[in-house]
Amino acid sequence: MPGEERDAFLSDVRALLIADRARTAARILALDKDFTAIVEDAQLTATDDEHDPDGTTSAFERSQASALLASAVEHLSDVDSALSKIDDGTYGRCERCGAEINQERLLARPAARTCITCASRPA
């Protein structure tokens, strides 16, 4: 891809990543708040939710919130890594095979670390 075209593409991708970063950071704050509320609620009630057939357990809610939070934190790391790669000129290369990642994939998943072929194979 010619230089000007690549610069325009990277500018578009950077804008997508910056917007994604803001959304993900807000999601992390909300999930952290939810997790804290679940833990605090469990400490304030003396119910035996492990044996309540009508409701979910607080352990399940904590586990679900924790998993969502971990996923969001990992995604934020991927977004930050992609932004750094744009800055250092290595953006768009597969971390496994070194091949160039297809532009359509990068537009759909700007924080993608691997090409489609490598993403389809087990690690």
C-alpha atoms as a PDB file:
ATOM      1  CA  MET A   1       0.000   0.000   0.000  1.00  0.00           C
ATOM      2  CA  PRO A   2       1.422   3.411  -0.928  1.00  0.00           C
ATOM      3  CA  GLY A   3       2.627   5.693   1.882  1.00  0.00           C
ATOM      4  CA  GLU A   4      -0.223   8.228   1.840  1.00  0.00           C
ATOM      5  CA  GLU A   5      -2.830   5.480   1.655  1.00  0.00           C
ATOM      6  CA  ARG A   6      -1.183   3.633   4.561  1.00  0.00           C
ATOM      7  CA  ASP A   7      -1.027   6.856   6.607  1.00  0.00           C
ATOM      8  CA  ALA A   8      -4.760   7.452   6.038  1.00  0.00           C
ATOM      9  CA  PHE A   9      -5.531   3.839   6.961  1.00  0.00           C
ATOM     10  CA  LEU A  10      -3.472   4.070  10.153  1.00  0.00           C
ATOM     11  CA  SER A  11      -5.160   7.353  11.046  1.00  0.00           C
ATOM     12  CA  ASP A  12      -8.577   5.699  10.680  1.00  0.00           C
ATOM     13  CA  VAL A  13      -7.485   2.688  12.731  1.00  0.00           C
ATOM     14  CA  ARG A  14      -5.990   4.928  15.435  1.00  0.00           C
ATOM     15  CA  ALA A  15      -9.339   6.740  15.731  1.00  0.00           C
ATOM     16  CA  LEU A  16     -11.135   3.377  16.067  1.00  0.00           C
ATOM     17  CA  LEU A  17      -8.670   2.240  18.725  1.00  0.00           C
ATOM     18  CA  ILE A  18      -8.927   5.472  20.718  1.00  0.00           C
ATOM     19  CA  ALA A  19     -12.736   5.221  20.731  1.00  0.00           C
ATOM     20  CA  ASP A  20     -12.513   1.532  21.691  1.00  0.00           C
ATOM     21  CA  ARG A  21     -10.088   2.395  24.482  1.00  0.00           C
ATOM     22  CA  ALA A  22     -12.492   4.962  25.943  1.00  0.00           C
ATOM     23  CA  ARG A  23     -15.414   2.495  25.812  1.00  0.00           C
ATOM     24  CA  THR A  24     -13.342  -0.277  27.346  1.00  0.00           C
ATOM     25  CA  ALA A  25     -12.017   1.932  30.151  1.00  0.00           C
ATOM     26  CA  ALA A  26     -15.592   2.970  30.991  1.00  0.00           C
ATOM     27  CA  ARG A  27     -16.659  -0.690  30.938  1.00  0.00           C
ATOM     28  CA  ILE A  28     -13.847  -1.602  33.327  1.00  0.00           C
ATOM     29  CA  LEU A  29     -14.942   1.098  35.766  1.00  0.00           C
ATOM     30  CA  ALA A  30     -18.551  -0.086  35.614  1.00  0.00           C
ATOM     31  CA  LEU A  31     -17.627  -3.760  36.026  1.00  0.00           C
ATOM     32  CA  ASP A  32     -15.318  -2.946  38.920  1.00  0.00           C
ATOM     33  CA  LYS A  33     -18.152  -1.040  40.590  1.00  0.00           C
ATOM     34  CA  ASP A  34     -20.539  -3.968  39.987  1.00  0.00           C
ATOM     35  CA  PHE A  35     -18.033  -6.460  41.400  1.00  0.00           C
ATOM     36  CA  THR A  36     -17.487  -4.329  44.493  1.00  0.00           C
ATOM     37  CA  ALA A  37     -21.254  -4.020  45.012  1.00  0.00           C
ATOM     38  CA  ILE A  38     -21.710  -7.801  44.733  1.00  0.00           C
ATOM     39  CA  VAL A  39     -18.987  -8.424  47.309  1.00  0.00           C
ATOM     40  CA  GLU A  40     -20.351  -5.772  49.676  1.00  0.00           C
ATOM     41  CA  ASP A  41     -23.914  -7.081  49.350  1.00  0.00           C
ATOM     42  CA  ALA A  42     -22.745 -10.598  50.165  1.00  0.00           C
ATOM     43  CA  GLN A  43     -21.008  -9.342  53.301  1.00  0.00           C
ATOM     44  CA  LEU A  44     -24.118  -7.505  54.495  1.00  0.00           C
ATOM     45  CA  THR A  45     -26.559 -10.393  54.125  1.00  0.00           C
ATOM     46  CA  ALA A  46     -26.589 -13.600  56.078  1.00  0.00           C
ATOM     47  CA  THR A  47     -28.511 -15.656  53.527  1.00  0.00           C
ATOM     48  CA  ASP A  48     -27.658 -19.143  52.402  1.00  0.00           C
ATOM     49  CA  ASP A  49     -27.830 -18.448  48.689  1.00  0.00           C
ATOM     50  CA  GLU A  50     -25.953 -21.675  47.913  1.00  0.00           C
ATOM     51  CA  HIS A  51     -29.170 -23.578  48.667  1.00  0.00           C
ATOM     52  CA  ASP A  52     -31.731 -21.107  47.283  1.00  0.00           C
ATOM     53  CA  PRO A  53     -33.396 -22.904  44.338  1.00  0.00           C
ATOM     54  CA  ASP A  54     -34.959 -19.682  43.038  1.00  0.00           C
ATOM     55  CA  GLY A  55     -31.928 -17.469  42.627  1.00  0.00           C
ATOM     56  CA  THR A  56     -28.379 -17.327  41.417  1.00  0.00           C
ATOM     57  CA  THR A  57     -25.625 -17.604  43.949  1.00  0.00           C
ATOM     58  CA  SER A  58     -23.512 -14.656  44.902  1.00  0.00           C
ATOM     59  CA  ALA A  59     -20.494 -16.821  44.044  1.00  0.00           C
ATOM     60  CA  PHE A  60     -21.797 -17.164  40.484  1.00  0.00           C
ATOM     61  CA  GLU A  61     -22.401 -13.414  40.238  1.00  0.00           C
ATOM     62  CA  ARG A  62     -18.897 -12.689  41.562  1.00  0.00           C
ATOM     63  CA  SER A  63     -17.391 -15.193  39.152  1.00  0.00           C
ATOM     64  CA  GLN A  64     -19.270 -13.762  36.181  1.00  0.00           C
ATOM     65  CA  ALA A  65     -18.370 -10.163  37.032  1.00  0.00           C
ATOM     66  CA  SER A  66     -14.752 -11.165  37.616  1.00  0.00           C
ATOM     67  CA  ALA A  67     -14.535 -12.942  34.241  1.00  0.00           C
ATOM     68  CA  LEU A  68     -16.059  -9.984  32.404  1.00  0.00           C
ATOM     69  CA  LEU A  69     -13.678  -7.614  34.176  1.00  0.00           C
ATOM     70  CA  ALA A  70     -10.643  -9.760  33.299  1.00  0.00           C
ATOM     71  CA  SER A  71     -11.744  -9.899  29.669  1.00  0.00           C
ATOM     72  CA  ALA A  72     -12.141  -6.121  29.513  1.00  0.00           C
ATOM     73  CA  VAL A  73      -8.719  -5.562  31.101  1.00  0.00           C
ATOM     74  CA  GLU A  74      -7.140  -7.956  28.574  1.00  0.00           C
ATOM     75  CA  HIS A  75      -8.868  -6.144  25.701  1.00  0.00           C
ATOM     76  CA  LEU A  76      -7.623  -2.789  26.988  1.00  0.00           C
ATOM     77  CA  SER A  77      -4.106  -4.207  26.974  1.00  0.00           C
ATOM     78  CA  ASP A  78      -4.591  -5.353  23.361  1.00  0.00           C
ATOM     79  CA  VAL A  79      -5.821  -1.895  22.361  1.00  0.00           C
ATOM     80  CA  ASP A  80      -2.854  -0.211  24.064  1.00  0.00           C
ATOM     81  CA  SER A  81      -0.504  -2.653  22.345  1.00  0.00           C
ATOM     82  CA  ALA A  82      -2.041  -1.864  18.941  1.00  0.00           C
ATOM     83  CA  LEU A  83      -1.656   1.886  19.550  1.00  0.00           C
ATOM     84  CA  SER A  84       1.999   1.356  20.504  1.00  0.00           C
ATOM     85  CA  LYS A  85       2.554  -0.692  17.356  1.00  0.00           C
ATOM     86  CA  ILE A  86       1.135   2.111  15.224  1.00  0.00           C
ATOM     87  CA  ASP A  87       3.597   4.475  16.895  1.00  0.00           C
ATOM     88  CA  ASP A  88       6.603   2.201  16.371  1.00  0.00           C
ATOM     89  CA  GLY A  89       5.679   1.153  12.824  1.00  0.00           C
ATOM     90  CA  THR A  90       4.978  -2.524  13.508  1.00  0.00           C
ATOM     91  CA  TYR A  91       1.174  -2.409  13.393  1.00  0.00           C
ATOM     92  CA  GLY A  92      -0.557  -4.873  11.097  1.00  0.00           C
ATOM     93  CA  ARG A  93       1.902  -7.774  11.386  1.00  0.00           C
ATOM     94  CA  CYS A  94       0.848 -11.170  12.748  1.00  0.00           C
ATOM     95  CA  GLU A  95       2.537 -11.939  16.061  1.00  0.00           C
ATOM     96  CA  ARG A  96       2.738 -15.655  15.197  1.00  0.00           C
ATOM     97  CA  CYS A  97       3.869 -15.864  11.568  1.00  0.00           C
ATOM     98  CA  GLY A  98       4.928 -12.293  10.814  1.00  0.00           C
ATOM     99  CA  ALA A  99       2.653 -11.987   7.770  1.00  0.00           C
ATOM    100  CA  GLU A 100       0.720  -8.824   7.073  1.00  0.00           C
ATOM    101  CA  ILE A 101      -2.775  -8.855   8.583  1.00  0.00           C
ATOM    102  CA  ASN A 102      -5.547  -8.178   6.066  1.00  0.00           C
ATOM    103  CA  GLN A 103      -6.903  -4.604   6.200  1.00  0.00           C
ATOM    104  CA  GLU A 104     -10.497  -5.809   6.446  1.00  0.00           C
ATOM    105  CA  ARG A 105      -9.610  -7.797   9.559  1.00  0.00           C
ATOM    106  CA  LEU A 106      -7.864  -4.792  11.082  1.00  0.00           C
ATOM    107  CA  LEU A 107     -10.859  -2.567  10.396  1.00  0.00           C
ATOM    108  CA  ALA A 108     -13.187  -5.128  11.963  1.00  0.00           C
ATOM    109  CA  ARG A 109     -10.825  -5.888  14.874  1.00  0.00           C
ATOM    110  CA  PRO A 110      -8.293  -3.069  15.134  1.00  0.00           C
ATOM    111  CA  ALA A 111      -6.574  -4.697  18.117  1.00  0.00           C
ATOM    112  CA  ALA A 112      -6.085  -8.006  16.269  1.00  0.00           C
ATOM    113  CA  ARG A 113      -2.695  -9.556  17.004  1.00  0.00           C
ATOM    114  CA  THR A 114      -2.839 -12.370  14.457  1.00  0.00           C
ATOM    115  CA  CYS A 115      -3.800 -12.958  10.849  1.00  0.00           C
ATOM    116  CA  ILE A 116      -6.934 -14.971  10.070  1.00  0.00           C
ATOM    117  CA  THR A 117      -4.926 -18.122   9.353  1.00  0.00           C
ATOM    118  CA  CYS A 118      -3.113 -18.048  12.697  1.00  0.00           C
ATOM    119  CA  ALA A 119      -6.249 -17.011  14.579  1.00  0.00           C
ATOM    120  CA  SER A 120      -8.017 -20.076  13.169  1.00  0.00           C
ATOM    121  CA  ARG A 121      -5.328 -22.457  14.470  1.00  0.00           C
ATOM    122  CA  PRO A 122      -4.944 -23.542  18.087  1.00  0.00           C
ATOM    123  CA  ALA A 123      -2.125 -21.801  19.930  1.00  0.00           C
END
